[in-house]
N, C-alpha and C. Protein backbone atom coordinates (compact mmCIF):
# COMPACT_ATOMS: atom_id res chain seq x y z
N UNK A 1 -7.68 16.34 -23.20
CA UNK A 1 -8.14 15.94 -21.88
C UNK A 1 -7.16 14.94 -21.28
N UNK A 2 -6.79 15.18 -20.04
CA UNK A 2 -5.83 14.31 -19.36
C UNK A 2 -6.49 12.96 -19.06
N UNK A 3 -5.77 11.90 -19.36
CA UNK A 3 -6.25 10.55 -19.09
C UNK A 3 -6.35 10.32 -17.58
N UNK A 4 -7.39 9.62 -17.14
CA UNK A 4 -7.54 9.31 -15.73
C UNK A 4 -6.43 8.37 -15.28
N UNK A 5 -6.00 8.59 -14.06
CA UNK A 5 -4.95 7.76 -13.49
C UNK A 5 -5.42 7.12 -12.19
N UNK A 6 -4.99 5.89 -11.96
CA UNK A 6 -5.19 5.19 -10.70
C UNK A 6 -3.85 5.21 -9.99
N UNK A 7 -3.83 5.69 -8.76
CA UNK A 7 -2.59 5.77 -7.99
C UNK A 7 -2.55 4.63 -6.97
N UNK A 8 -1.54 3.77 -7.12
CA UNK A 8 -1.34 2.63 -6.22
C UNK A 8 0.02 2.80 -5.56
N UNK A 9 0.08 2.53 -4.26
CA UNK A 9 1.34 2.64 -3.52
C UNK A 9 1.62 1.31 -2.83
N UNK A 10 2.87 0.87 -2.90
CA UNK A 10 3.35 -0.29 -2.15
C UNK A 10 4.66 0.10 -1.47
N UNK A 11 5.06 -0.67 -0.48
CA UNK A 11 6.34 -0.46 0.19
C UNK A 11 7.01 -1.80 0.39
N UNK A 12 8.32 -1.84 0.14
CA UNK A 12 9.01 -3.12 0.28
C UNK A 12 10.50 -2.91 0.51
N UNK A 13 11.09 -3.90 1.15
CA UNK A 13 12.54 -3.97 1.21
C UNK A 13 12.98 -5.03 0.20
N UNK A 14 14.25 -5.31 0.11
CA UNK A 14 14.74 -6.25 -0.89
C UNK A 14 14.25 -7.68 -0.64
N UNK A 15 14.07 -8.03 0.63
CA UNK A 15 13.65 -9.38 1.00
C UNK A 15 12.29 -9.75 0.39
N UNK A 16 11.36 -8.81 0.35
CA UNK A 16 10.02 -9.08 -0.15
C UNK A 16 9.78 -8.53 -1.56
N UNK A 17 10.81 -8.00 -2.17
CA UNK A 17 10.63 -7.33 -3.47
C UNK A 17 10.10 -8.24 -4.57
N UNK A 18 10.42 -9.52 -4.55
CA UNK A 18 9.94 -10.43 -5.59
C UNK A 18 8.41 -10.48 -5.61
N UNK A 19 7.79 -10.24 -4.46
CA UNK A 19 6.33 -10.25 -4.40
C UNK A 19 5.71 -9.08 -5.18
N UNK A 20 6.47 -8.00 -5.33
CA UNK A 20 5.97 -6.86 -6.11
C UNK A 20 5.67 -7.30 -7.54
N UNK A 21 6.52 -8.14 -8.09
CA UNK A 21 6.33 -8.60 -9.47
C UNK A 21 5.00 -9.34 -9.63
N UNK A 22 4.68 -10.23 -8.70
CA UNK A 22 3.42 -10.97 -8.77
C UNK A 22 2.23 -10.04 -8.60
N UNK A 23 2.32 -9.11 -7.65
CA UNK A 23 1.25 -8.13 -7.45
C UNK A 23 1.05 -7.29 -8.71
N UNK A 24 2.13 -6.76 -9.22
CA UNK A 24 2.05 -5.89 -10.40
C UNK A 24 1.48 -6.63 -11.60
N UNK A 25 1.91 -7.84 -11.80
CA UNK A 25 1.38 -8.62 -12.93
C UNK A 25 -0.10 -8.94 -12.73
N UNK A 26 -0.51 -9.23 -11.49
CA UNK A 26 -1.93 -9.50 -11.24
C UNK A 26 -2.79 -8.27 -11.52
N UNK A 27 -2.28 -7.10 -11.24
CA UNK A 27 -3.00 -5.86 -11.55
C UNK A 27 -3.07 -5.68 -13.06
N UNK A 28 -1.94 -5.86 -13.72
CA UNK A 28 -1.85 -5.66 -15.17
C UNK A 28 -2.80 -6.60 -15.93
N UNK A 29 -2.78 -7.87 -15.60
CA UNK A 29 -3.59 -8.87 -16.30
C UNK A 29 -5.09 -8.62 -16.13
N UNK A 30 -5.48 -8.13 -14.97
CA UNK A 30 -6.91 -7.96 -14.67
C UNK A 30 -7.45 -6.55 -14.92
N UNK A 31 -6.58 -5.63 -15.30
CA UNK A 31 -7.02 -4.24 -15.51
C UNK A 31 -7.51 -4.06 -16.95
N UNK A 32 -8.83 -3.85 -17.09
CA UNK A 32 -9.43 -3.77 -18.43
C UNK A 32 -10.04 -2.41 -18.76
N UNK A 33 -10.08 -1.50 -17.79
CA UNK A 33 -10.63 -0.18 -18.07
C UNK A 33 -9.51 0.72 -18.62
N UNK A 34 -9.86 1.94 -18.99
CA UNK A 34 -8.88 2.78 -19.70
C UNK A 34 -8.00 3.65 -18.81
N UNK A 35 -8.16 3.59 -17.49
CA UNK A 35 -7.31 4.40 -16.63
C UNK A 35 -5.86 3.92 -16.69
N UNK A 36 -4.95 4.89 -16.68
CA UNK A 36 -3.53 4.59 -16.60
C UNK A 36 -3.22 4.33 -15.12
N UNK A 37 -2.31 3.43 -14.83
CA UNK A 37 -1.95 3.12 -13.45
C UNK A 37 -0.58 3.71 -13.14
N UNK A 38 -0.53 4.54 -12.10
CA UNK A 38 0.74 5.03 -11.55
C UNK A 38 1.04 4.15 -10.34
N UNK A 39 2.07 3.33 -10.47
CA UNK A 39 2.43 2.34 -9.45
C UNK A 39 3.64 2.87 -8.69
N UNK A 40 3.40 3.38 -7.49
CA UNK A 40 4.43 4.01 -6.67
C UNK A 40 5.04 2.97 -5.73
N UNK A 41 6.36 2.85 -5.76
CA UNK A 41 7.03 1.90 -4.89
C UNK A 41 7.92 2.65 -3.91
N UNK A 42 7.60 2.49 -2.62
CA UNK A 42 8.47 3.04 -1.58
C UNK A 42 9.55 2.01 -1.35
N UNK A 43 10.76 2.36 -1.73
CA UNK A 43 11.90 1.47 -1.79
C UNK A 43 12.71 1.55 -0.49
N UNK A 44 12.71 0.45 0.24
CA UNK A 44 13.48 0.38 1.48
C UNK A 44 14.67 -0.56 1.30
N UNK A 45 15.42 -0.35 0.21
CA UNK A 45 16.63 -1.14 -0.03
C UNK A 45 16.50 -2.20 -1.11
N UNK A 46 15.66 -1.97 -2.10
CA UNK A 46 15.49 -2.93 -3.20
C UNK A 46 16.68 -2.81 -4.15
N UNK A 47 17.19 -3.94 -4.60
CA UNK A 47 18.38 -3.94 -5.46
C UNK A 47 18.11 -3.32 -6.83
N UNK A 48 19.13 -2.71 -7.38
CA UNK A 48 19.03 -2.11 -8.71
C UNK A 48 18.72 -3.14 -9.77
N UNK A 49 19.27 -4.33 -9.63
CA UNK A 49 19.02 -5.41 -10.59
C UNK A 49 17.53 -5.78 -10.62
N UNK A 50 16.91 -5.87 -9.44
CA UNK A 50 15.48 -6.20 -9.40
C UNK A 50 14.66 -5.07 -10.01
N UNK A 51 15.02 -3.83 -9.71
CA UNK A 51 14.29 -2.68 -10.26
C UNK A 51 14.28 -2.73 -11.79
N UNK A 52 15.42 -3.02 -12.37
CA UNK A 52 15.52 -3.12 -13.83
C UNK A 52 14.61 -4.21 -14.38
N UNK A 53 14.60 -5.36 -13.74
CA UNK A 53 13.74 -6.47 -14.18
C UNK A 53 12.27 -6.10 -14.07
N UNK A 54 11.89 -5.47 -12.96
CA UNK A 54 10.49 -5.13 -12.73
C UNK A 54 9.97 -4.18 -13.81
N UNK A 55 10.78 -3.27 -14.24
CA UNK A 55 10.39 -2.30 -15.27
C UNK A 55 10.02 -2.98 -16.59
N UNK A 56 10.51 -4.20 -16.80
CA UNK A 56 10.28 -4.89 -18.08
C UNK A 56 8.99 -5.71 -18.13
N UNK A 57 8.29 -5.87 -17.00
CA UNK A 57 7.13 -6.78 -17.00
C UNK A 57 5.81 -6.10 -17.32
N UNK A 58 5.81 -4.76 -17.46
CA UNK A 58 4.56 -4.06 -17.77
C UNK A 58 4.75 -3.14 -18.96
N UNK A 59 3.66 -2.81 -19.60
CA UNK A 59 3.65 -1.88 -20.72
C UNK A 59 3.60 -0.46 -20.15
N UNK A 60 4.63 0.35 -20.38
CA UNK A 60 4.65 1.70 -19.80
C UNK A 60 3.54 2.62 -20.31
N UNK A 61 2.87 2.24 -21.39
CA UNK A 61 1.74 3.06 -21.85
C UNK A 61 0.50 2.81 -20.99
N UNK A 62 0.51 1.71 -20.20
CA UNK A 62 -0.61 1.36 -19.32
C UNK A 62 -0.27 1.55 -17.84
N UNK A 63 0.99 1.26 -17.49
CA UNK A 63 1.42 1.31 -16.09
C UNK A 63 2.78 2.01 -16.01
N UNK A 64 2.86 3.01 -15.17
CA UNK A 64 4.12 3.71 -14.92
C UNK A 64 4.59 3.35 -13.52
N UNK A 65 5.84 2.92 -13.41
CA UNK A 65 6.42 2.60 -12.11
C UNK A 65 7.22 3.81 -11.65
N UNK A 66 6.95 4.25 -10.42
CA UNK A 66 7.64 5.39 -9.83
C UNK A 66 8.30 4.95 -8.54
N UNK A 67 9.58 5.26 -8.37
CA UNK A 67 10.35 4.80 -7.22
C UNK A 67 10.58 5.94 -6.23
N UNK A 68 10.51 5.61 -4.92
CA UNK A 68 10.73 6.59 -3.86
C UNK A 68 11.58 5.97 -2.76
N UNK A 69 12.66 6.63 -2.41
CA UNK A 69 13.54 6.16 -1.35
C UNK A 69 12.86 6.36 0.00
N UNK A 70 12.75 5.29 0.78
CA UNK A 70 12.03 5.36 2.06
C UNK A 70 12.61 6.40 3.00
N UNK A 71 13.91 6.55 3.00
CA UNK A 71 14.55 7.48 3.92
C UNK A 71 14.27 8.94 3.57
N UNK A 72 13.86 9.18 2.34
CA UNK A 72 13.58 10.56 1.92
C UNK A 72 12.14 10.97 2.14
N UNK A 73 11.26 10.03 2.43
CA UNK A 73 9.85 10.41 2.63
C UNK A 73 9.45 10.50 4.10
N UNK A 74 10.28 9.96 5.00
CA UNK A 74 9.98 10.03 6.43
C UNK A 74 10.58 11.33 6.97
N UNK A 75 9.75 12.22 7.49
CA UNK A 75 10.29 13.47 8.04
C UNK A 75 11.30 13.19 9.16
N UNK A 76 12.33 14.01 9.23
CA UNK A 76 13.38 13.83 10.24
C UNK A 76 12.84 13.86 11.66
N UNK A 77 11.75 14.56 11.88
CA UNK A 77 11.19 14.70 13.23
C UNK A 77 10.43 13.46 13.70
N UNK A 78 10.24 12.48 12.82
CA UNK A 78 9.46 11.29 13.18
C UNK A 78 10.39 10.12 13.48
N UNK A 79 10.16 9.50 14.64
CA UNK A 79 10.91 8.32 15.04
C UNK A 79 9.95 7.14 14.98
N UNK A 80 10.32 6.12 14.23
CA UNK A 80 9.47 4.94 14.07
C UNK A 80 9.95 3.86 15.03
N UNK A 81 9.03 3.26 15.80
CA UNK A 81 9.42 2.27 16.82
C UNK A 81 9.74 0.90 16.24
N UNK A 82 10.85 0.80 15.53
CA UNK A 82 11.24 -0.46 14.92
C UNK A 82 11.80 -1.38 16.01
N UNK A 83 11.34 -2.64 15.99
CA UNK A 83 11.83 -3.62 16.95
C UNK A 83 12.10 -4.93 16.23
N UNK A 84 12.31 -5.99 16.96
CA UNK A 84 12.62 -7.28 16.36
C UNK A 84 11.38 -8.15 16.16
N UNK A 85 10.20 -7.54 16.18
CA UNK A 85 8.96 -8.29 15.97
C UNK A 85 8.76 -8.53 14.47
N UNK A 86 7.55 -8.91 14.14
CA UNK A 86 7.21 -9.15 12.73
C UNK A 86 6.96 -7.83 11.99
N UNK A 87 7.17 -6.70 12.64
CA UNK A 87 6.87 -5.40 12.04
C UNK A 87 8.12 -4.57 11.82
N UNK A 88 8.83 -4.79 10.71
CA UNK A 88 10.01 -3.97 10.41
C UNK A 88 9.59 -2.58 9.95
N UNK A 89 10.55 -1.72 9.71
CA UNK A 89 10.31 -0.35 9.26
C UNK A 89 9.34 -0.30 8.08
N UNK A 90 9.47 -1.22 7.17
CA UNK A 90 8.67 -1.20 5.93
C UNK A 90 7.17 -1.17 6.20
N UNK A 91 6.68 -1.82 7.25
CA UNK A 91 5.24 -1.84 7.49
C UNK A 91 4.71 -0.46 7.88
N UNK A 92 5.55 0.39 8.40
CA UNK A 92 5.12 1.73 8.79
C UNK A 92 5.06 2.69 7.60
N UNK A 93 5.68 2.33 6.51
CA UNK A 93 5.80 3.24 5.37
C UNK A 93 4.45 3.55 4.72
N UNK A 94 3.45 2.69 4.88
CA UNK A 94 2.12 2.95 4.32
C UNK A 94 1.55 4.26 4.83
N UNK A 95 1.92 4.63 6.05
CA UNK A 95 1.43 5.87 6.64
C UNK A 95 1.88 7.08 5.81
N UNK A 96 3.01 6.95 5.16
CA UNK A 96 3.58 8.07 4.39
C UNK A 96 3.20 8.02 2.91
N UNK A 97 2.33 7.09 2.52
CA UNK A 97 1.97 6.94 1.11
C UNK A 97 1.40 8.21 0.48
N UNK A 98 0.65 9.05 1.18
CA UNK A 98 0.17 10.29 0.52
C UNK A 98 1.31 11.23 0.09
N UNK A 99 2.49 11.05 0.67
CA UNK A 99 3.62 11.92 0.33
C UNK A 99 4.34 11.53 -0.96
N UNK A 100 3.99 10.37 -1.53
CA UNK A 100 4.68 9.96 -2.76
C UNK A 100 3.84 10.14 -4.01
N UNK A 101 2.56 10.41 -3.85
CA UNK A 101 1.71 10.62 -5.04
C UNK A 101 1.78 12.09 -5.44
N UNK A 102 1.41 12.38 -6.68
CA UNK A 102 1.41 13.75 -7.17
C UNK A 102 0.46 14.60 -6.33
N UNK A 103 0.75 15.89 -6.24
CA UNK A 103 -0.03 16.82 -5.40
C UNK A 103 -1.51 16.88 -5.79
N UNK A 104 -1.83 16.62 -7.06
CA UNK A 104 -3.22 16.72 -7.50
C UNK A 104 -4.02 15.42 -7.29
N UNK A 105 -3.38 14.39 -6.76
CA UNK A 105 -4.04 13.11 -6.54
C UNK A 105 -4.96 13.21 -5.33
N UNK A 106 -6.23 12.88 -5.52
CA UNK A 106 -7.23 12.97 -4.46
C UNK A 106 -7.20 11.77 -3.52
N UNK A 107 -6.98 10.58 -4.11
CA UNK A 107 -6.97 9.35 -3.30
C UNK A 107 -5.96 8.38 -3.87
N UNK A 108 -5.65 7.37 -3.08
CA UNK A 108 -4.71 6.33 -3.51
C UNK A 108 -5.15 5.00 -2.94
N UNK A 109 -4.63 3.95 -3.54
CA UNK A 109 -4.83 2.61 -3.02
C UNK A 109 -3.47 2.15 -2.50
N UNK A 110 -3.42 1.73 -1.24
CA UNK A 110 -2.20 1.14 -0.70
C UNK A 110 -2.41 -0.38 -0.67
N UNK A 111 -1.42 -1.12 -1.19
CA UNK A 111 -1.49 -2.58 -1.18
C UNK A 111 -0.21 -3.16 -0.58
N UNK A 112 -0.36 -4.14 0.31
CA UNK A 112 0.81 -4.89 0.74
C UNK A 112 1.32 -5.68 -0.46
N UNK A 113 2.63 -5.92 -0.49
CA UNK A 113 3.21 -6.59 -1.65
C UNK A 113 2.81 -8.06 -1.75
N UNK A 114 2.28 -8.64 -0.69
CA UNK A 114 1.84 -10.05 -0.76
C UNK A 114 0.39 -10.18 -1.19
N UNK A 115 -0.15 -9.14 -1.81
CA UNK A 115 -1.52 -9.13 -2.30
C UNK A 115 -1.55 -9.57 -3.76
N UNK A 116 -2.57 -10.32 -4.13
CA UNK A 116 -2.82 -10.66 -5.52
C UNK A 116 -4.19 -10.08 -5.88
N UNK A 117 -4.25 -9.28 -6.92
CA UNK A 117 -5.49 -8.65 -7.35
C UNK A 117 -6.17 -9.57 -8.37
N UNK A 118 -7.40 -9.99 -8.08
CA UNK A 118 -8.10 -10.96 -8.92
C UNK A 118 -9.20 -10.36 -9.77
N UNK A 119 -9.34 -9.06 -9.77
CA UNK A 119 -10.36 -8.39 -10.57
C UNK A 119 -9.78 -7.05 -11.00
N UNK A 120 -10.50 -6.32 -11.81
CA UNK A 120 -10.01 -5.03 -12.29
C UNK A 120 -9.88 -4.06 -11.12
N UNK A 121 -8.69 -3.54 -10.90
CA UNK A 121 -8.42 -2.63 -9.79
C UNK A 121 -9.27 -1.36 -9.89
N UNK A 122 -9.77 -1.05 -11.07
CA UNK A 122 -10.60 0.14 -11.24
C UNK A 122 -11.91 0.03 -10.46
N UNK A 123 -12.36 -1.20 -10.18
CA UNK A 123 -13.58 -1.37 -9.38
C UNK A 123 -13.37 -0.83 -7.97
N UNK A 124 -12.24 -1.13 -7.39
CA UNK A 124 -11.91 -0.59 -6.08
C UNK A 124 -11.67 0.91 -6.19
N UNK A 125 -10.92 1.31 -7.19
CA UNK A 125 -10.59 2.72 -7.40
C UNK A 125 -11.84 3.60 -7.50
N UNK A 126 -12.85 3.10 -8.16
CA UNK A 126 -14.07 3.88 -8.38
C UNK A 126 -15.07 3.79 -7.23
N UNK A 127 -14.65 3.19 -6.12
CA UNK A 127 -15.47 3.17 -4.91
C UNK A 127 -15.27 4.50 -4.18
N UNK A 128 -16.35 5.13 -3.82
CA UNK A 128 -16.27 6.43 -3.16
C UNK A 128 -15.86 6.28 -1.69
N UNK A 129 -15.00 7.18 -1.24
CA UNK A 129 -14.64 7.26 0.17
C UNK A 129 -15.58 8.19 0.93
N UNK A 130 -16.38 8.95 0.21
CA UNK A 130 -17.23 9.94 0.88
C UNK A 130 -16.35 10.92 1.63
N UNK A 131 -16.70 11.20 2.87
CA UNK A 131 -15.92 12.13 3.69
C UNK A 131 -14.89 11.43 4.58
N UNK A 132 -14.74 10.11 4.39
CA UNK A 132 -13.81 9.34 5.23
C UNK A 132 -12.37 9.58 4.79
N UNK A 133 -11.47 9.45 5.72
CA UNK A 133 -10.03 9.59 5.45
C UNK A 133 -9.50 8.32 4.79
N UNK A 134 -10.03 7.17 5.20
CA UNK A 134 -9.55 5.90 4.66
C UNK A 134 -10.68 4.89 4.62
N UNK A 135 -10.53 3.94 3.70
CA UNK A 135 -11.44 2.81 3.61
C UNK A 135 -10.64 1.54 3.77
N UNK A 136 -11.20 0.59 4.51
CA UNK A 136 -10.50 -0.67 4.76
C UNK A 136 -11.55 -1.75 4.98
N UNK A 137 -11.10 -3.00 5.04
CA UNK A 137 -12.00 -4.11 5.34
C UNK A 137 -11.61 -4.72 6.68
N UNK A 138 -12.61 -5.25 7.35
CA UNK A 138 -12.38 -5.89 8.64
C UNK A 138 -11.48 -7.10 8.45
N UNK A 139 -10.55 -7.27 9.35
CA UNK A 139 -9.67 -8.43 9.33
C UNK A 139 -10.49 -9.62 9.81
N UNK A 140 -10.82 -10.54 8.93
CA UNK A 140 -11.72 -11.65 9.21
C UNK A 140 -11.25 -12.47 10.41
N UNK A 141 -12.15 -12.59 11.38
CA UNK A 141 -11.88 -13.45 12.53
C UNK A 141 -10.86 -12.92 13.51
N UNK A 142 -10.40 -11.73 13.30
CA UNK A 142 -9.37 -11.20 14.19
C UNK A 142 -9.98 -10.20 15.17
N UNK A 143 -9.61 -10.36 16.41
CA UNK A 143 -10.02 -9.42 17.44
C UNK A 143 -8.76 -8.93 18.14
N UNK A 144 -8.92 -7.90 18.93
CA UNK A 144 -7.77 -7.31 19.60
C UNK A 144 -6.98 -8.31 20.44
N UNK A 145 -7.66 -9.33 20.98
CA UNK A 145 -6.97 -10.31 21.83
C UNK A 145 -6.45 -11.52 21.06
N UNK A 146 -6.52 -11.49 19.75
CA UNK A 146 -6.03 -12.60 18.93
C UNK A 146 -4.53 -12.81 19.20
N UNK A 147 -4.13 -14.06 19.44
CA UNK A 147 -2.73 -14.35 19.73
C UNK A 147 -1.82 -14.02 18.56
N UNK A 148 -2.31 -14.23 17.35
CA UNK A 148 -1.52 -13.89 16.18
C UNK A 148 -2.14 -12.67 15.51
N UNK A 149 -1.42 -11.61 15.46
CA UNK A 149 -1.89 -10.42 14.78
C UNK A 149 -2.76 -9.51 15.62
N UNK A 150 -2.99 -9.85 16.86
CA UNK A 150 -3.79 -8.99 17.73
C UNK A 150 -3.00 -7.78 18.19
N UNK A 151 -3.57 -7.05 19.11
CA UNK A 151 -2.92 -5.85 19.66
C UNK A 151 -2.65 -6.12 21.13
N UNK A 152 -1.40 -6.43 21.48
CA UNK A 152 -1.08 -6.84 22.85
C UNK A 152 -1.50 -5.82 23.93
N UNK A 153 -1.43 -4.55 23.62
CA UNK A 153 -1.75 -3.53 24.62
C UNK A 153 -3.14 -2.93 24.41
N UNK A 154 -4.10 -3.76 23.95
CA UNK A 154 -5.44 -3.26 23.66
C UNK A 154 -6.12 -2.65 24.88
N UNK A 155 -5.89 -3.21 26.07
CA UNK A 155 -6.50 -2.66 27.29
C UNK A 155 -5.96 -1.26 27.57
N UNK A 156 -4.67 -1.15 27.44
CA UNK A 156 -4.00 0.13 27.66
C UNK A 156 -4.52 1.21 26.70
N UNK A 157 -4.91 0.78 25.50
CA UNK A 157 -5.43 1.70 24.50
C UNK A 157 -6.93 1.96 24.65
N UNK A 158 -7.56 1.27 25.60
CA UNK A 158 -8.98 1.50 25.87
C UNK A 158 -9.94 0.64 25.06
N UNK A 159 -9.44 -0.48 24.51
CA UNK A 159 -10.29 -1.38 23.74
C UNK A 159 -10.65 -2.61 24.56
N UNK A 160 -11.74 -3.28 24.19
CA UNK A 160 -12.09 -4.55 24.81
C UNK A 160 -11.47 -5.68 23.98
N UNK A 161 -11.37 -6.85 24.58
CA UNK A 161 -10.73 -8.00 23.92
C UNK A 161 -11.41 -8.37 22.61
N UNK A 162 -12.73 -8.21 22.53
CA UNK A 162 -13.46 -8.64 21.34
C UNK A 162 -13.60 -7.55 20.27
N UNK A 163 -12.89 -6.43 20.44
CA UNK A 163 -12.93 -5.37 19.44
C UNK A 163 -12.30 -5.88 18.14
N UNK A 164 -13.01 -5.69 17.05
CA UNK A 164 -12.50 -6.10 15.74
C UNK A 164 -11.69 -4.96 15.14
N UNK A 165 -10.80 -5.31 14.22
CA UNK A 165 -9.99 -4.27 13.59
C UNK A 165 -9.84 -4.56 12.11
N UNK A 166 -9.26 -3.61 11.38
CA UNK A 166 -9.18 -3.74 9.92
C UNK A 166 -7.84 -4.29 9.46
N UNK A 167 -7.84 -4.80 8.25
CA UNK A 167 -6.64 -5.28 7.60
C UNK A 167 -5.98 -4.09 6.91
N UNK A 168 -4.78 -3.75 7.29
CA UNK A 168 -4.11 -2.57 6.72
C UNK A 168 -3.34 -2.90 5.44
N UNK A 169 -3.51 -4.09 4.91
CA UNK A 169 -2.81 -4.48 3.68
C UNK A 169 -3.50 -4.03 2.41
N UNK A 170 -4.76 -3.61 2.53
CA UNK A 170 -5.50 -3.06 1.39
C UNK A 170 -6.25 -1.84 1.93
N UNK A 171 -5.80 -0.68 1.54
CA UNK A 171 -6.40 0.57 2.02
C UNK A 171 -6.71 1.51 0.87
N UNK A 172 -7.80 2.21 0.97
CA UNK A 172 -8.09 3.33 0.08
C UNK A 172 -7.89 4.56 0.97
N UNK A 173 -7.05 5.47 0.55
CA UNK A 173 -6.69 6.62 1.40
C UNK A 173 -7.00 7.92 0.68
N UNK A 174 -7.67 8.83 1.39
CA UNK A 174 -7.90 10.17 0.90
C UNK A 174 -6.59 10.92 1.04
N UNK A 175 -5.88 11.13 -0.05
CA UNK A 175 -4.53 11.72 -0.01
C UNK A 175 -4.55 13.19 0.39
N UNK A 176 -5.65 13.87 0.15
CA UNK A 176 -5.75 15.30 0.48
C UNK A 176 -5.94 15.52 1.98
N UNK A 177 -6.72 14.66 2.62
CA UNK A 177 -7.01 14.84 4.05
C UNK A 177 -5.89 14.31 4.89
């Protein structure tokens, strides 16, 4: 019988890559169930030296690290609106996370690299999505008109100023849908 696997996806460039180590270690230390973790990293320019170091911090019998070049997962027909704001190309890569997991994977967990997991990740993994495409949590205290992190063109998109939105740094995604 094939061992159950938890599929986790992150995306990072070299600037934020050190945060992957803290995230990965927090998952490893708190994971007590028997599922194997497939840790998929969408690599947007992470150094080879860092990759080598990262491979040494986990037991490969419990966690497998899989690397994916960001430029190879974005279809040529898609143009990403990269600008000089706080949202570089890397933040858009979460949208492509279903393309890096194995074809038989039903769902995945996407985590921003600045996340620290304080409990067994299997608790989140074993939460049902039902018929939803994605699961997320509301961004606490944030509304569309929030000066920091809000959506500047919320009116243009048909939202009211007090519309709440979700935090895209922790997502459960139905990879099949």
